[in-house]
Amino acid sequence: MIRPALVLLVFFTALTGVAYPLSLTLLGSSTLRPGAVGRVFDSPDVFWSRPTAGSALASSGSNLGPTNPAFLEAVKARVLAIRAAHPGHDEPVPADLVTASASGLDPHLSVAAVKYQVNRVALARGVAPEQLMQLIDWHTEPRFLGIFGEPRVNVVLLNSAMSPHP
């Protein structure tokens, strides 16, 4: 009775205590580049990421509710900044461009938020908006399992895929 129990203890300790964490560490280090998560993009020639309440080093939300005056003022200021950077846009500013991410680490934006920025990025890069729209389509991720969430774009990967500024 003791021998099978000890063999199983050693086996599962090696599997769950060594092999699994090591494989996740190796996989994670090969897929994430330094600075890829929580990065703030604010140059006119790249697609901007979602605002964050904290910083990339200290991921945290602001704990401000939607009726809090400080939250409303922050959103109003962001709307004004987005409108100033995108003159001529008559449609509403997508919410994920002006509301902060809870953690500040999610690199995704809605397709509408990314497409809202196309004219600014195209003008700054000197490329046709259609070229950027095609790149956005290529980087649009579908709903999870086809039914959960909304289609989204990883802004880090999208910006990485764009050729360097001319």
N, C-alpha and C. Protein backbone atom coordinates (compact mmCIF):
# COMPACT_ATOMS: atom_id res chain seq x y z
N MET A 1 0.81 -1.20 0.00
CA MET A 1 0.00 0.00 0.00
C MET A 1 0.86 1.28 0.00
N ILE A 2 1.94 1.28 0.74
CA ILE A 2 2.77 2.47 0.85
C ILE A 2 3.54 2.74 -0.45
N ARG A 3 4.04 1.71 -1.08
CA ARG A 3 4.84 1.90 -2.29
C ARG A 3 4.05 2.58 -3.41
N PRO A 4 2.83 2.13 -3.79
CA PRO A 4 2.08 2.83 -4.84
C PRO A 4 1.76 4.28 -4.47
N ALA A 5 1.50 4.51 -3.22
CA ALA A 5 1.20 5.89 -2.78
C ALA A 5 2.43 6.78 -2.94
N LEU A 6 3.60 6.29 -2.57
CA LEU A 6 4.83 7.07 -2.71
C LEU A 6 5.19 7.30 -4.17
N VAL A 7 4.99 6.29 -4.99
CA VAL A 7 5.26 6.44 -6.43
C VAL A 7 4.35 7.51 -7.02
N LEU A 8 3.08 7.47 -6.69
CA LEU A 8 2.14 8.49 -7.19
C LEU A 8 2.47 9.87 -6.65
N LEU A 9 2.88 9.95 -5.39
CA LEU A 9 3.26 11.24 -4.81
C LEU A 9 4.45 11.84 -5.56
N VAL A 10 5.48 11.04 -5.81
CA VAL A 10 6.65 11.53 -6.54
C VAL A 10 6.27 11.91 -7.97
N PHE A 11 5.48 11.07 -8.63
CA PHE A 11 5.08 11.35 -10.01
C PHE A 11 4.30 12.66 -10.11
N PHE A 12 3.27 12.82 -9.30
CA PHE A 12 2.45 14.03 -9.39
C PHE A 12 3.17 15.27 -8.88
N THR A 13 4.09 15.11 -7.95
CA THR A 13 4.90 16.24 -7.52
C THR A 13 5.79 16.71 -8.66
N ALA A 14 6.40 15.77 -9.37
CA ALA A 14 7.24 16.14 -10.51
C ALA A 14 6.41 16.75 -11.63
N LEU A 15 5.23 16.18 -11.87
CA LEU A 15 4.38 16.68 -12.95
C LEU A 15 3.82 18.06 -12.64
N THR A 16 3.16 18.19 -11.50
CA THR A 16 2.48 19.47 -11.20
C THR A 16 3.38 20.49 -10.52
N GLY A 17 4.46 20.04 -9.91
CA GLY A 17 5.33 20.97 -9.20
C GLY A 17 6.54 21.41 -9.99
N VAL A 18 6.89 20.65 -11.03
CA VAL A 18 8.09 20.98 -11.81
C VAL A 18 7.77 21.12 -13.30
N ALA A 19 7.27 20.05 -13.91
CA ALA A 19 7.08 20.04 -15.36
C ALA A 19 6.06 21.08 -15.82
N TYR A 20 4.90 21.15 -15.18
CA TYR A 20 3.86 22.09 -15.60
C TYR A 20 4.30 23.55 -15.42
N PRO A 21 4.79 23.97 -14.24
CA PRO A 21 5.23 25.36 -14.11
C PRO A 21 6.38 25.71 -15.06
N LEU A 22 7.29 24.79 -15.27
CA LEU A 22 8.40 25.04 -16.17
C LEU A 22 7.92 25.22 -17.61
N SER A 23 6.98 24.38 -18.05
CA SER A 23 6.47 24.52 -19.41
C SER A 23 5.72 25.83 -19.59
N LEU A 24 4.94 26.26 -18.59
CA LEU A 24 4.24 27.54 -18.70
C LEU A 24 5.21 28.71 -18.71
N THR A 25 6.25 28.62 -17.92
CA THR A 25 7.27 29.67 -17.91
C THR A 25 7.96 29.78 -19.26
N LEU A 26 8.34 28.66 -19.82
CA LEU A 26 9.00 28.67 -21.13
C LEU A 26 8.06 29.16 -22.22
N LEU A 27 6.82 28.71 -22.20
CA LEU A 27 5.84 29.14 -23.20
C LEU A 27 5.57 30.63 -23.06
N GLY A 28 5.39 31.10 -21.85
CA GLY A 28 5.11 32.52 -21.63
C GLY A 28 6.25 33.41 -22.04
N SER A 29 7.48 33.00 -21.76
CA SER A 29 8.62 33.83 -22.12
C SER A 29 8.86 33.84 -23.62
N SER A 30 8.39 32.83 -24.32
CA SER A 30 8.59 32.81 -25.77
C SER A 30 7.50 33.56 -26.52
N THR A 31 6.35 33.79 -25.90
CA THR A 31 5.26 34.46 -26.60
C THR A 31 5.11 35.92 -26.23
N LEU A 32 5.58 36.33 -25.06
CA LEU A 32 5.47 37.73 -24.65
C LEU A 32 6.80 38.43 -24.80
N ARG A 33 6.75 39.59 -25.42
CA ARG A 33 7.94 40.40 -25.52
C ARG A 33 7.94 41.40 -24.37
N PRO A 34 9.12 41.81 -23.89
CA PRO A 34 9.16 42.81 -22.84
C PRO A 34 8.43 44.07 -23.28
N GLY A 35 7.60 44.60 -22.41
CA GLY A 35 6.87 45.81 -22.72
C GLY A 35 5.62 45.59 -23.54
N ALA A 36 5.26 44.34 -23.84
CA ALA A 36 4.10 44.08 -24.69
C ALA A 36 2.79 44.20 -23.93
N VAL A 37 2.81 43.99 -22.64
CA VAL A 37 1.58 44.05 -21.86
C VAL A 37 1.58 45.33 -21.06
N GLY A 38 0.46 46.01 -21.05
CA GLY A 38 0.34 47.24 -20.28
C GLY A 38 1.01 48.43 -20.93
N ARG A 39 1.39 48.29 -22.18
CA ARG A 39 2.07 49.38 -22.87
C ARG A 39 1.07 50.44 -23.30
N VAL A 40 1.45 51.68 -23.14
CA VAL A 40 0.60 52.79 -23.53
C VAL A 40 1.12 53.35 -24.85
N PHE A 41 0.26 53.40 -25.85
CA PHE A 41 0.61 53.96 -27.14
C PHE A 41 -0.04 55.34 -27.24
N ASP A 42 0.76 56.36 -27.55
CA ASP A 42 0.18 57.69 -27.67
C ASP A 42 0.77 58.50 -28.82
N SER A 43 1.59 57.88 -29.64
CA SER A 43 2.16 58.55 -30.80
C SER A 43 1.09 58.63 -31.89
N PRO A 44 1.07 59.70 -32.69
CA PRO A 44 0.03 59.82 -33.71
C PRO A 44 0.10 58.77 -34.82
N ASP A 45 1.25 58.12 -34.99
CA ASP A 45 1.40 57.17 -36.09
C ASP A 45 1.15 55.72 -35.68
N VAL A 46 0.58 55.49 -34.50
CA VAL A 46 0.21 54.14 -34.07
C VAL A 46 -1.22 54.17 -33.52
N PHE A 47 -1.80 52.99 -33.42
CA PHE A 47 -3.13 52.88 -32.83
C PHE A 47 -2.99 52.97 -31.32
N TRP A 48 -3.79 53.83 -30.71
CA TRP A 48 -3.71 54.03 -29.27
C TRP A 48 -4.40 52.90 -28.53
N SER A 49 -3.87 52.59 -27.40
CA SER A 49 -4.46 51.56 -26.54
C SER A 49 -5.50 52.20 -25.62
N ARG A 50 -6.15 51.36 -24.88
CA ARG A 50 -7.15 51.82 -23.92
C ARG A 50 -6.45 52.55 -22.77
N PRO A 51 -7.06 53.65 -22.28
CA PRO A 51 -6.44 54.32 -21.14
C PRO A 51 -6.41 53.42 -19.91
N THR A 52 -5.49 53.69 -19.02
CA THR A 52 -5.39 52.91 -17.79
C THR A 52 -5.48 53.83 -16.58
N ALA A 53 -6.08 53.33 -15.53
CA ALA A 53 -6.21 54.12 -14.31
C ALA A 53 -4.92 54.11 -13.51
N GLY A 54 -4.14 53.06 -13.67
CA GLY A 54 -2.87 52.93 -12.94
C GLY A 54 -1.71 53.09 -13.89
N SER A 55 -0.70 52.24 -13.70
CA SER A 55 0.44 52.22 -14.61
C SER A 55 0.68 50.77 -14.99
N ALA A 56 1.56 50.55 -15.96
CA ALA A 56 1.85 49.19 -16.40
C ALA A 56 2.52 48.38 -15.30
N LEU A 57 3.20 49.06 -14.40
CA LEU A 57 3.89 48.34 -13.32
C LEU A 57 2.97 48.03 -12.15
N ALA A 58 1.98 48.89 -11.94
CA ALA A 58 1.06 48.67 -10.83
C ALA A 58 -0.35 48.60 -11.40
N SER A 59 -0.74 47.42 -11.81
CA SER A 59 -2.04 47.29 -12.45
C SER A 59 -3.14 47.36 -11.40
N SER A 60 -3.98 48.34 -11.56
CA SER A 60 -5.10 48.48 -10.63
C SER A 60 -6.13 49.40 -11.26
N GLY A 61 -7.34 49.27 -10.82
CA GLY A 61 -8.40 50.14 -11.27
C GLY A 61 -8.45 51.39 -10.43
N SER A 62 -9.32 52.30 -10.79
CA SER A 62 -9.43 53.54 -10.05
C SER A 62 -10.45 53.45 -8.92
N ASN A 63 -11.32 52.45 -8.99
CA ASN A 63 -12.42 52.28 -8.03
C ASN A 63 -13.42 53.43 -8.08
N LEU A 64 -13.45 54.16 -9.17
CA LEU A 64 -14.41 55.23 -9.35
C LEU A 64 -15.61 54.69 -10.12
N GLY A 65 -16.79 54.89 -9.57
CA GLY A 65 -18.01 54.43 -10.23
C GLY A 65 -18.43 55.36 -11.33
N PRO A 66 -19.36 54.94 -12.18
CA PRO A 66 -19.77 55.75 -13.33
C PRO A 66 -20.50 57.04 -12.97
N THR A 67 -20.94 57.18 -11.73
CA THR A 67 -21.60 58.43 -11.33
C THR A 67 -20.67 59.32 -10.52
N ASN A 68 -19.46 58.89 -10.28
CA ASN A 68 -18.50 59.68 -9.52
C ASN A 68 -18.07 60.89 -10.35
N PRO A 69 -18.12 62.10 -9.78
CA PRO A 69 -17.74 63.30 -10.55
C PRO A 69 -16.31 63.24 -11.09
N ALA A 70 -15.38 62.66 -10.35
CA ALA A 70 -14.00 62.56 -10.83
C ALA A 70 -13.92 61.65 -12.06
N PHE A 71 -14.68 60.56 -12.04
CA PHE A 71 -14.72 59.65 -13.18
C PHE A 71 -15.29 60.38 -14.40
N LEU A 72 -16.40 61.09 -14.19
CA LEU A 72 -17.04 61.80 -15.30
C LEU A 72 -16.13 62.87 -15.89
N GLU A 73 -15.40 63.57 -15.04
CA GLU A 73 -14.47 64.58 -15.53
C GLU A 73 -13.32 63.95 -16.32
N ALA A 74 -12.82 62.81 -15.84
CA ALA A 74 -11.73 62.12 -16.55
C ALA A 74 -12.21 61.67 -17.93
N VAL A 75 -13.41 61.12 -18.01
CA VAL A 75 -13.95 60.66 -19.29
C VAL A 75 -14.18 61.85 -20.22
N LYS A 76 -14.73 62.94 -19.70
CA LYS A 76 -14.94 64.14 -20.53
C LYS A 76 -13.62 64.65 -21.09
N ALA A 77 -12.58 64.67 -20.27
CA ALA A 77 -11.27 65.14 -20.73
C ALA A 77 -10.71 64.21 -21.81
N ARG A 78 -10.92 62.91 -21.63
CA ARG A 78 -10.44 61.97 -22.65
C ARG A 78 -11.21 62.11 -23.94
N VAL A 79 -12.52 62.34 -23.86
CA VAL A 79 -13.33 62.54 -25.07
C VAL A 79 -12.82 63.77 -25.83
N LEU A 80 -12.56 64.85 -25.11
CA LEU A 80 -12.05 66.07 -25.75
C LEU A 80 -10.69 65.80 -26.41
N ALA A 81 -9.83 65.07 -25.75
CA ALA A 81 -8.51 64.76 -26.31
C ALA A 81 -8.64 63.88 -27.56
N ILE A 82 -9.52 62.90 -27.52
CA ILE A 82 -9.72 62.01 -28.68
C ILE A 82 -10.30 62.82 -29.84
N ARG A 83 -11.28 63.66 -29.56
CA ARG A 83 -11.88 64.47 -30.63
C ARG A 83 -10.85 65.43 -31.24
N ALA A 84 -9.98 66.00 -30.40
CA ALA A 84 -8.96 66.91 -30.90
C ALA A 84 -7.95 66.17 -31.80
N ALA A 85 -7.66 64.93 -31.47
CA ALA A 85 -6.71 64.15 -32.26
C ALA A 85 -7.34 63.57 -33.52
N HIS A 86 -8.66 63.55 -33.58
CA HIS A 86 -9.38 62.98 -34.72
C HIS A 86 -10.42 63.98 -35.24
N PRO A 87 -9.97 65.12 -35.77
CA PRO A 87 -10.93 66.12 -36.25
C PRO A 87 -11.76 65.58 -37.42
N GLY A 88 -12.98 66.02 -37.49
CA GLY A 88 -13.86 65.60 -38.58
C GLY A 88 -14.68 64.37 -38.28
N HIS A 89 -14.44 63.72 -37.17
CA HIS A 89 -15.26 62.57 -36.78
C HIS A 89 -16.55 63.07 -36.16
N ASP A 90 -17.67 62.67 -36.76
CA ASP A 90 -18.97 63.08 -36.22
C ASP A 90 -19.60 61.99 -35.35
N GLU A 91 -19.16 60.74 -35.55
CA GLU A 91 -19.75 59.65 -34.78
C GLU A 91 -19.25 59.69 -33.33
N PRO A 92 -20.00 59.06 -32.43
CA PRO A 92 -19.58 59.05 -31.02
C PRO A 92 -18.23 58.35 -30.83
N VAL A 93 -17.50 58.80 -29.84
CA VAL A 93 -16.22 58.18 -29.52
C VAL A 93 -16.51 56.83 -28.85
N PRO A 94 -15.90 55.74 -29.33
CA PRO A 94 -16.12 54.43 -28.69
C PRO A 94 -15.72 54.47 -27.21
N ALA A 95 -16.52 53.86 -26.39
CA ALA A 95 -16.32 53.91 -24.94
C ALA A 95 -14.96 53.39 -24.50
N ASP A 96 -14.44 52.37 -25.18
CA ASP A 96 -13.17 51.81 -24.73
C ASP A 96 -11.98 52.71 -25.06
N LEU A 97 -12.17 53.79 -25.80
CA LEU A 97 -11.10 54.76 -26.01
C LEU A 97 -11.04 55.80 -24.90
N VAL A 98 -12.10 55.89 -24.10
CA VAL A 98 -12.16 56.95 -23.08
C VAL A 98 -12.39 56.43 -21.67
N THR A 99 -12.68 55.15 -21.52
CA THR A 99 -12.83 54.58 -20.17
C THR A 99 -11.64 53.68 -19.90
N ALA A 100 -11.11 53.78 -18.71
CA ALA A 100 -9.89 53.06 -18.36
C ALA A 100 -10.16 51.58 -18.16
N SER A 101 -9.16 50.81 -18.50
CA SER A 101 -9.20 49.37 -18.24
C SER A 101 -9.04 49.15 -16.74
N ALA A 102 -9.69 48.14 -16.22
CA ALA A 102 -9.58 47.86 -14.79
C ALA A 102 -8.15 47.54 -14.39
N SER A 103 -7.45 46.76 -15.19
CA SER A 103 -6.09 46.39 -14.82
C SER A 103 -5.05 47.20 -15.59
N GLY A 104 -5.42 47.70 -16.75
CA GLY A 104 -4.45 48.39 -17.59
C GLY A 104 -3.57 47.43 -18.37
N LEU A 105 -3.85 46.14 -18.28
CA LEU A 105 -3.00 45.16 -18.93
C LEU A 105 -3.62 44.54 -20.17
N ASP A 106 -4.89 44.75 -20.40
CA ASP A 106 -5.55 44.13 -21.56
C ASP A 106 -5.17 44.89 -22.82
N PRO A 107 -4.55 44.22 -23.79
CA PRO A 107 -4.13 44.91 -25.01
C PRO A 107 -5.23 45.03 -26.06
N HIS A 108 -6.45 44.60 -25.76
CA HIS A 108 -7.51 44.56 -26.76
C HIS A 108 -8.38 45.81 -26.74
N LEU A 109 -8.84 46.16 -27.94
CA LEU A 109 -9.85 47.21 -28.14
C LEU A 109 -10.94 46.65 -29.03
N SER A 110 -12.09 47.28 -28.98
CA SER A 110 -13.15 46.89 -29.89
C SER A 110 -12.73 47.25 -31.31
N VAL A 111 -13.34 46.58 -32.27
CA VAL A 111 -13.05 46.87 -33.68
C VAL A 111 -13.42 48.33 -33.98
N ALA A 112 -14.52 48.79 -33.42
CA ALA A 112 -14.95 50.18 -33.65
C ALA A 112 -13.93 51.18 -33.12
N ALA A 113 -13.33 50.90 -31.97
CA ALA A 113 -12.34 51.82 -31.38
C ALA A 113 -11.07 51.88 -32.24
N VAL A 114 -10.69 50.76 -32.83
CA VAL A 114 -9.50 50.74 -33.68
C VAL A 114 -9.81 51.45 -35.01
N LYS A 115 -10.97 51.16 -35.58
CA LYS A 115 -11.33 51.79 -36.86
C LYS A 115 -11.54 53.30 -36.71
N TYR A 116 -11.92 53.75 -35.53
CA TYR A 116 -12.09 55.18 -35.27
C TYR A 116 -10.77 55.92 -35.49
N GLN A 117 -9.64 55.23 -35.29
CA GLN A 117 -8.32 55.85 -35.35
C GLN A 117 -7.65 55.77 -36.72
N VAL A 118 -8.28 55.11 -37.67
CA VAL A 118 -7.64 54.82 -38.96
C VAL A 118 -7.17 56.08 -39.68
N ASN A 119 -8.01 57.09 -39.78
CA ASN A 119 -7.62 58.28 -40.55
C ASN A 119 -6.41 58.98 -39.93
N ARG A 120 -6.35 59.06 -38.61
CA ARG A 120 -5.21 59.69 -37.94
C ARG A 120 -3.91 58.94 -38.23
N VAL A 121 -3.95 57.61 -38.09
CA VAL A 121 -2.76 56.80 -38.30
C VAL A 121 -2.35 56.83 -39.78
N ALA A 122 -3.32 56.74 -40.68
CA ALA A 122 -3.03 56.77 -42.11
C ALA A 122 -2.36 58.08 -42.50
N LEU A 123 -2.88 59.19 -41.99
CA LEU A 123 -2.31 60.50 -42.29
C LEU A 123 -0.89 60.61 -41.74
N ALA A 124 -0.68 60.17 -40.50
CA ALA A 124 0.64 60.27 -39.88
C ALA A 124 1.66 59.38 -40.57
N ARG A 125 1.23 58.25 -41.11
CA ARG A 125 2.14 57.30 -41.77
C ARG A 125 2.23 57.52 -43.28
N GLY A 126 1.31 58.30 -43.82
CA GLY A 126 1.32 58.52 -45.26
C GLY A 126 0.90 57.30 -46.05
N VAL A 127 -0.07 56.56 -45.51
CA VAL A 127 -0.57 55.37 -46.21
C VAL A 127 -2.08 55.53 -46.43
N ALA A 128 -2.61 54.70 -47.30
CA ALA A 128 -4.05 54.74 -47.57
C ALA A 128 -4.81 54.12 -46.41
N PRO A 129 -5.93 54.72 -46.01
CA PRO A 129 -6.75 54.14 -44.94
C PRO A 129 -7.18 52.70 -45.24
N GLU A 130 -7.40 52.40 -46.52
CA GLU A 130 -7.81 51.05 -46.90
C GLU A 130 -6.75 50.01 -46.52
N GLN A 131 -5.48 50.40 -46.63
CA GLN A 131 -4.39 49.50 -46.27
C GLN A 131 -4.45 49.17 -44.77
N LEU A 132 -4.73 50.18 -43.96
CA LEU A 132 -4.85 49.95 -42.52
C LEU A 132 -6.11 49.14 -42.18
N MET A 133 -7.18 49.39 -42.91
CA MET A 133 -8.42 48.63 -42.67
C MET A 133 -8.19 47.14 -42.94
N GLN A 134 -7.42 46.83 -43.97
CA GLN A 134 -7.11 45.44 -44.27
C GLN A 134 -6.27 44.82 -43.15
N LEU A 135 -5.32 45.58 -42.64
CA LEU A 135 -4.49 45.10 -41.53
C LEU A 135 -5.34 44.87 -40.27
N ILE A 136 -6.29 45.75 -40.04
CA ILE A 136 -7.21 45.58 -38.90
C ILE A 136 -8.04 44.31 -39.08
N ASP A 137 -8.55 44.10 -40.28
CA ASP A 137 -9.33 42.89 -40.54
C ASP A 137 -8.50 41.63 -40.28
N TRP A 138 -7.24 41.64 -40.65
CA TRP A 138 -6.37 40.49 -40.44
C TRP A 138 -6.13 40.24 -38.94
N HIS A 139 -6.13 41.31 -38.16
CA HIS A 139 -5.83 41.19 -36.73
C HIS A 139 -7.08 41.16 -35.84
N THR A 140 -8.24 41.11 -36.44
CA THR A 140 -9.47 41.02 -35.65
C THR A 140 -9.66 39.60 -35.16
N GLU A 141 -9.77 39.47 -33.85
CA GLU A 141 -9.98 38.16 -33.23
C GLU A 141 -11.48 37.94 -33.06
N PRO A 142 -11.96 36.75 -33.37
CA PRO A 142 -13.41 36.49 -33.27
C PRO A 142 -13.86 36.33 -31.82
N ARG A 143 -15.16 36.17 -31.66
CA ARG A 143 -15.71 35.88 -30.34
C ARG A 143 -15.10 34.59 -29.82
N PHE A 144 -14.90 34.51 -28.51
CA PHE A 144 -14.35 33.30 -27.90
C PHE A 144 -15.35 32.17 -28.06
N LEU A 145 -14.90 31.07 -28.60
CA LEU A 145 -15.73 29.90 -28.90
C LEU A 145 -16.91 30.24 -29.81
N GLY A 146 -16.80 31.35 -30.51
CA GLY A 146 -17.84 31.75 -31.45
C GLY A 146 -19.07 32.39 -30.83
N ILE A 147 -19.16 32.42 -29.49
CA ILE A 147 -20.37 32.97 -28.86
C ILE A 147 -20.12 33.94 -27.72
N PHE A 148 -18.93 33.89 -27.11
CA PHE A 148 -18.66 34.72 -25.94
C PHE A 148 -17.90 35.99 -26.30
N GLY A 149 -18.34 37.13 -25.77
CA GLY A 149 -17.65 38.38 -26.00
C GLY A 149 -17.93 38.96 -27.37
N GLU A 150 -17.10 39.90 -27.73
CA GLU A 150 -17.23 40.59 -29.01
C GLU A 150 -15.92 40.45 -29.78
N PRO A 151 -15.97 40.60 -31.10
CA PRO A 151 -14.71 40.63 -31.86
C PRO A 151 -13.83 41.76 -31.32
N ARG A 152 -12.51 41.55 -31.32
CA ARG A 152 -11.60 42.51 -30.73
C ARG A 152 -10.28 42.51 -31.50
N VAL A 153 -9.49 43.54 -31.25
CA VAL A 153 -8.20 43.68 -31.91
C VAL A 153 -7.14 43.88 -30.84
N ASN A 154 -6.08 43.09 -30.92
CA ASN A 154 -4.94 43.26 -30.01
C ASN A 154 -4.10 44.40 -30.57
N VAL A 155 -4.11 45.54 -29.88
CA VAL A 155 -3.44 46.75 -30.38
C VAL A 155 -1.92 46.56 -30.39
N VAL A 156 -1.39 45.81 -29.44
CA VAL A 156 0.06 45.56 -29.41
C VAL A 156 0.49 44.82 -30.67
N LEU A 157 -0.24 43.76 -31.02
CA LEU A 157 0.11 42.99 -32.22
C LEU A 157 -0.14 43.80 -33.49
N LEU A 158 -1.22 44.58 -33.51
CA LEU A 158 -1.52 45.40 -34.68
C LEU A 158 -0.41 46.42 -34.92
N ASN A 159 0.01 47.12 -33.86
CA ASN A 159 1.08 48.10 -34.02
C ASN A 159 2.40 47.43 -34.40
N SER A 160 2.65 46.25 -33.88
CA SER A 160 3.87 45.51 -34.23
C SER A 160 3.86 45.09 -35.69
N ALA A 161 2.68 44.82 -36.23
CA ALA A 161 2.56 44.35 -37.61
C ALA A 161 2.73 45.47 -38.63
N MET A 162 2.53 46.70 -38.21
CA MET A 162 2.67 47.80 -39.15
C MET A 162 4.14 48.01 -39.47
N SER A 163 4.40 48.31 -40.72
CA SER A 163 5.78 48.57 -41.11
C SER A 163 6.27 49.83 -40.39
N PRO A 164 7.59 49.95 -40.22
CA PRO A 164 8.11 51.14 -39.56
C PRO A 164 7.67 52.40 -40.27
N HIS A 165 7.59 53.46 -39.52
CA HIS A 165 7.21 54.77 -40.09
C HIS A 165 8.14 55.13 -41.22
N PRO A 166 7.60 55.59 -42.36
CA PRO A 166 8.47 55.95 -43.52
C PRO A 166 9.39 57.09 -43.23
